Amino acid sequence: MTAPHAQGLRTGAPRRTARSGQLPVVAVVALGGGVGAAARYAAALRWPTGAGGFPWTTFWVNVVGCAVIGVFLVVITEVMTAHRLVRPFFGTGVLGGFTTFSTYAVDIQKLLDAGRTGTALAYLAATLAAALAAVWLAATATRGVLSRGRR
């Protein structure tokens, strides 16, 4: 059969669809996200923020997470060929679950609700600046260390 409708007929080999090909990716992102979120929660339990105080734990979690993202992405895109599930597991899952925009937004809202507008604005700006600086500095430093090692 060569008719267009014949292309959808089953043959002996199972068809691989986009949906089934994405299942491992979705699974490793979910697994990694659980690991990252659990690590962030552990940090929040270890270093709690008092009511109305500067949310240092969330601040440092986001900054450290961004620095690790900078190192990780340089290594897996410029140095080595990683398995196709490494980036979704660690980059999207673990680091995506560890860093947190939602808690950052909630922290800002809590500070505003507590009348701590100055602290909220400082946190808003400091987190953004520090996170961007961390990813850039970490990526740049990683490239520098790796280029020295190649000489």
C-alpha atoms as a PDB file:
ATOM      1  CA  MET A   1       0.000   0.000   0.000  1.00  0.00           C
ATOM      2  CA  THR A   2       1.371   3.317  -0.974  1.00  0.00           C
ATOM      3  CA  ALA A   3      -1.686   5.414  -0.305  1.00  0.00           C
ATOM      4  CA  PRO A   4      -1.261   8.306   2.177  1.00  0.00           C
ATOM      5  CA  HIS A   5      -3.597   6.629   4.669  1.00  0.00           C
ATOM      6  CA  ALA A   6      -1.381   3.527   4.670  1.00  0.00           C
ATOM      7  CA  GLN A   7       1.442   5.386   6.434  1.00  0.00           C
ATOM      8  CA  GLY A   8      -0.418   5.165   9.729  1.00  0.00           C
ATOM      9  CA  LEU A   9      -0.765   1.364   9.569  1.00  0.00           C
ATOM     10  CA  ARG A  10       1.265  -0.596  12.071  1.00  0.00           C
ATOM     11  CA  THR A  11       4.177  -2.675  10.940  1.00  0.00           C
ATOM     12  CA  GLY A  12       6.297  -5.074  12.952  1.00  0.00           C
ATOM     13  CA  ALA A  13       8.428  -2.245  14.442  1.00  0.00           C
ATOM     14  CA  PRO A  14       6.878   0.011  17.094  1.00  0.00           C
ATOM     15  CA  ARG A  15       6.628   3.666  16.098  1.00  0.00           C
ATOM     16  CA  ARG A  16       8.486   6.137  18.219  1.00  0.00           C
ATOM     17  CA  THR A  17       6.450   9.264  18.733  1.00  0.00           C
ATOM     18  CA  ALA A  18       7.540  12.646  20.048  1.00  0.00           C
ATOM     19  CA  ARG A  19       5.491  11.914  23.150  1.00  0.00           C
ATOM     20  CA  SER A  20       7.225   8.619  23.962  1.00  0.00           C
ATOM     21  CA  GLY A  21      10.640  10.100  23.184  1.00  0.00           C
ATOM     22  CA  GLN A  22      10.049  12.854  25.740  1.00  0.00           C
ATOM     23  CA  LEU A  23       9.029  10.521  28.570  1.00  0.00           C
ATOM     24  CA  PRO A  24      12.607   9.912  29.799  1.00  0.00           C
ATOM     25  CA  VAL A  25      13.299  13.664  29.692  1.00  0.00           C
ATOM     26  CA  VAL A  26      10.168  14.485  31.681  1.00  0.00           C
ATOM     27  CA  ALA A  27      11.007  11.720  34.158  1.00  0.00           C
ATOM     28  CA  VAL A  28      14.567  12.928  34.813  1.00  0.00           C
ATOM     29  CA  VAL A  29      13.454  16.558  35.104  1.00  0.00           C
ATOM     30  CA  ALA A  30      10.852  15.515  37.688  1.00  0.00           C
ATOM     31  CA  LEU A  31      13.359  13.391  39.603  1.00  0.00           C
ATOM     32  CA  GLY A  32      15.993  16.127  39.525  1.00  0.00           C
ATOM     33  CA  GLY A  33      13.440  18.765  40.485  1.00  0.00           C
ATOM     34  CA  GLY A  34      12.535  16.749  43.562  1.00  0.00           C
ATOM     35  CA  VAL A  35      16.187  16.491  44.557  1.00  0.00           C
ATOM     36  CA  GLY A  36      16.787  20.223  44.045  1.00  0.00           C
ATOM     37  CA  ALA A  37      13.614  21.273  45.854  1.00  0.00           C
ATOM     38  CA  ALA A  38      14.450  18.991  48.790  1.00  0.00           C
ATOM     39  CA  ALA A  39      17.927  20.559  49.012  1.00  0.00           C
ATOM     40  CA  ARG A  40      16.414  24.058  48.976  1.00  0.00           C
ATOM     41  CA  TYR A  41      13.897  23.087  51.647  1.00  0.00           C
ATOM     42  CA  ALA A  42      16.708  21.652  53.783  1.00  0.00           C
ATOM     43  CA  ALA A  43      18.590  24.941  53.475  1.00  0.00           C
ATOM     44  CA  ALA A  44      15.464  26.867  54.535  1.00  0.00           C
ATOM     45  CA  LEU A  45      15.088  24.626  57.582  1.00  0.00           C
ATOM     46  CA  ARG A  46      18.781  24.952  58.465  1.00  0.00           C
ATOM     47  CA  TRP A  47      18.878  28.737  58.053  1.00  0.00           C
ATOM     48  CA  PRO A  48      15.355  30.108  58.613  1.00  0.00           C
ATOM     49  CA  THR A  49      14.521  33.740  57.958  1.00  0.00           C
ATOM     50  CA  GLY A  50      12.780  35.669  60.716  1.00  0.00           C
ATOM     51  CA  ALA A  51       9.597  37.568  59.958  1.00  0.00           C
ATOM     52  CA  GLY A  52      10.422  40.821  58.176  1.00  0.00           C
ATOM     53  CA  GLY A  53      14.103  39.906  57.893  1.00  0.00           C
ATOM     54  CA  PHE A  54      16.198  39.834  54.761  1.00  0.00           C
ATOM     55  CA  PRO A  55      15.692  36.376  53.179  1.00  0.00           C
ATOM     56  CA  TRP A  56      19.367  35.434  53.151  1.00  0.00           C
ATOM     57  CA  THR A  57      18.790  31.721  52.623  1.00  0.00           C
ATOM     58  CA  THR A  58      16.742  32.170  49.454  1.00  0.00           C
ATOM     59  CA  PHE A  59      19.181  34.842  48.290  1.00  0.00           C
ATOM     60  CA  TRP A  60      22.209  32.541  48.677  1.00  0.00           C
ATOM     61  CA  VAL A  61      20.399  29.505  47.283  1.00  0.00           C
ATOM     62  CA  ASN A  62      19.659  31.466  44.114  1.00  0.00           C
ATOM     63  CA  VAL A  63      23.179  32.905  43.859  1.00  0.00           C
ATOM     64  CA  VAL A  64      24.912  29.566  44.472  1.00  0.00           C
ATOM     65  CA  GLY A  65      22.510  27.792  42.111  1.00  0.00           C
ATOM     66  CA  CYS A  66      23.240  30.319  39.367  1.00  0.00           C
ATOM     67  CA  ALA A  67      26.984  29.911  39.874  1.00  0.00           C
ATOM     68  CA  VAL A  68      26.653  26.134  39.559  1.00  0.00           C
ATOM     69  CA  ILE A  69      24.572  26.617  36.400  1.00  0.00           C
ATOM     70  CA  GLY A  70      27.395  28.738  34.949  1.00  0.00           C
ATOM     71  CA  VAL A  71      30.003  26.051  35.634  1.00  0.00           C
ATOM     72  CA  PHE A  72      27.756  23.194  34.535  1.00  0.00           C
ATOM     73  CA  LEU A  73      26.741  24.697  31.212  1.00  0.00           C
ATOM     74  CA  VAL A  74      30.316  25.541  30.249  1.00  0.00           C
ATOM     75  CA  VAL A  75      31.439  22.013  31.069  1.00  0.00           C
ATOM     76  CA  ILE A  76      28.661  20.201  29.206  1.00  0.00           C
ATOM     77  CA  THR A  77      28.579  22.508  26.176  1.00  0.00           C
ATOM     78  CA  GLU A  78      32.249  23.350  25.708  1.00  0.00           C
ATOM     79  CA  VAL A  79      34.251  20.557  27.302  1.00  0.00           C
ATOM     80  CA  MET A  80      32.481  17.246  27.138  1.00  0.00           C
ATOM     81  CA  THR A  81      29.654  15.474  25.417  1.00  0.00           C
ATOM     82  CA  ALA A  82      27.166  14.485  28.095  1.00  0.00           C
ATOM     83  CA  HIS A  83      24.429  11.893  27.878  1.00  0.00           C
ATOM     84  CA  ARG A  84      21.234  13.461  26.524  1.00  0.00           C
ATOM     85  CA  LEU A  85      19.538  13.220  29.939  1.00  0.00           C
ATOM     86  CA  VAL A  86      22.286  14.912  31.988  1.00  0.00           C
ATOM     87  CA  ARG A  87      21.290  18.464  31.125  1.00  0.00           C
ATOM     88  CA  PRO A  88      17.549  17.948  31.765  1.00  0.00           C
ATOM     89  CA  PHE A  89      18.241  16.074  35.006  1.00  0.00           C
ATOM     90  CA  PHE A  90      20.836  18.364  36.525  1.00  0.00           C
ATOM     91  CA  GLY A  91      20.412  21.690  34.726  1.00  0.00           C
ATOM     92  CA  THR A  92      16.638  21.851  34.491  1.00  0.00           C
ATOM     93  CA  GLY A  93      15.675  19.443  37.267  1.00  0.00           C
ATOM     94  CA  VAL A  94      18.138  19.710  40.157  1.00  0.00           C
ATOM     95  CA  LEU A  95      19.227  23.309  39.630  1.00  0.00           C
ATOM     96  CA  GLY A  96      15.768  24.415  38.539  1.00  0.00           C
ATOM     97  CA  GLY A  97      14.293  22.863  41.677  1.00  0.00           C
ATOM     98  CA  PHE A  98      17.057  24.261  43.883  1.00  0.00           C
ATOM     99  CA  THR A  99      16.880  27.847  42.650  1.00  0.00           C
ATOM    100  CA  THR A 100      13.538  29.473  43.168  1.00  0.00           C
ATOM    101  CA  PHE A 101      11.791  32.382  41.559  1.00  0.00           C
ATOM    102  CA  SER A 102       8.522  31.568  43.329  1.00  0.00           C
ATOM    103  CA  THR A 103       9.983  31.777  46.845  1.00  0.00           C
ATOM    104  CA  TYR A 104      11.832  34.941  45.819  1.00  0.00           C
ATOM    105  CA  ALA A 105       8.511  36.496  44.740  1.00  0.00           C
ATOM    106  CA  VAL A 106       6.738  35.343  47.914  1.00  0.00           C
ATOM    107  CA  ASP A 107       9.577  36.721  50.057  1.00  0.00           C
ATOM    108  CA  ILE A 108       9.217  40.107  48.366  1.00  0.00           C
ATOM    109  CA  GLN A 109       5.453  40.068  48.918  1.00  0.00           C
ATOM    110  CA  LYS A 110       5.897  39.163  52.615  1.00  0.00           C
ATOM    111  CA  LEU A 111       8.367  42.009  53.083  1.00  0.00           C
ATOM    112  CA  LEU A 112       5.980  44.441  51.411  1.00  0.00           C
ATOM    113  CA  ASP A 113       3.069  43.176  53.557  1.00  0.00           C
ATOM    114  CA  ALA A 114       5.214  43.712  56.665  1.00  0.00           C
ATOM    115  CA  GLY A 115       5.873  47.324  55.649  1.00  0.00           C
ATOM    116  CA  ARG A 116       9.533  46.590  54.820  1.00  0.00           C
ATOM    117  CA  THR A 117       9.477  48.265  51.411  1.00  0.00           C
ATOM    118  CA  GLY A 118      13.164  49.208  51.468  1.00  0.00           C
ATOM    119  CA  THR A 119      14.210  45.670  52.341  1.00  0.00           C
ATOM    120  CA  ALA A 120      11.885  44.264  49.663  1.00  0.00           C
ATOM    121  CA  LEU A 121      13.357  46.532  46.990  1.00  0.00           C
ATOM    122  CA  ALA A 122      16.920  45.819  48.119  1.00  0.00           C
ATOM    123  CA  TYR A 123      16.214  42.072  48.010  1.00  0.00           C
ATOM    124  CA  LEU A 124      14.578  42.383  44.592  1.00  0.00           C
ATOM    125  CA  ALA A 125      17.549  44.204  43.093  1.00  0.00           C
ATOM    126  CA  ALA A 126      20.311  42.389  44.987  1.00  0.00           C
ATOM    127  CA  THR A 127      19.062  38.930  44.060  1.00  0.00           C
ATOM    128  CA  LEU A 128      18.779  39.796  40.392  1.00  0.00           C
ATOM    129  CA  ALA A 129      22.210  41.453  40.268  1.00  0.00           C
ATOM    130  CA  ALA A 130      23.952  38.774  42.323  1.00  0.00           C
ATOM    131  CA  ALA A 131      22.378  35.872  40.395  1.00  0.00           C
ATOM    132  CA  LEU A 132      23.345  37.338  37.019  1.00  0.00           C
ATOM    133  CA  ALA A 133      26.839  38.148  38.268  1.00  0.00           C
ATOM    134  CA  ALA A 134      27.219  34.644  39.718  1.00  0.00           C
ATOM    135  CA  VAL A 135      26.358  32.850  36.493  1.00  0.00           C
ATOM    136  CA  TRP A 136      28.591  35.136  34.438  1.00  0.00           C
ATOM    137  CA  LEU A 137      31.543  34.990  36.861  1.00  0.00           C
ATOM    138  CA  ALA A 138      31.288  31.222  37.251  1.00  0.00           C
ATOM    139  CA  ALA A 139      31.131  30.636  33.499  1.00  0.00           C
ATOM    140  CA  THR A 140      34.022  33.027  32.878  1.00  0.00           C
ATOM    141  CA  ALA A 141      36.142  31.505  35.664  1.00  0.00           C
ATOM    142  CA  THR A 142      35.413  27.992  34.433  1.00  0.00           C
ATOM    143  CA  ARG A 143      36.497  28.904  30.915  1.00  0.00           C
ATOM    144  CA  GLY A 144      39.667  30.485  32.339  1.00  0.00           C
ATOM    145  CA  VAL A 145      40.550  27.450  34.436  1.00  0.00           C
ATOM    146  CA  LEU A 146      39.859  25.103  31.533  1.00  0.00           C
ATOM    147  CA  SER A 147      41.923  27.153  29.072  1.00  0.00           C
ATOM    148  CA  ARG A 148      44.890  27.142  31.479  1.00  0.00           C
ATOM    149  CA  GLY A 149      44.584  23.377  31.776  1.00  0.00           C
ATOM    150  CA  ARG A 150      44.758  22.969  27.988  1.00  0.00           C
ATOM    151  CA  ARG A 151      48.052  24.842  27.672  1.00  0.00           C
END
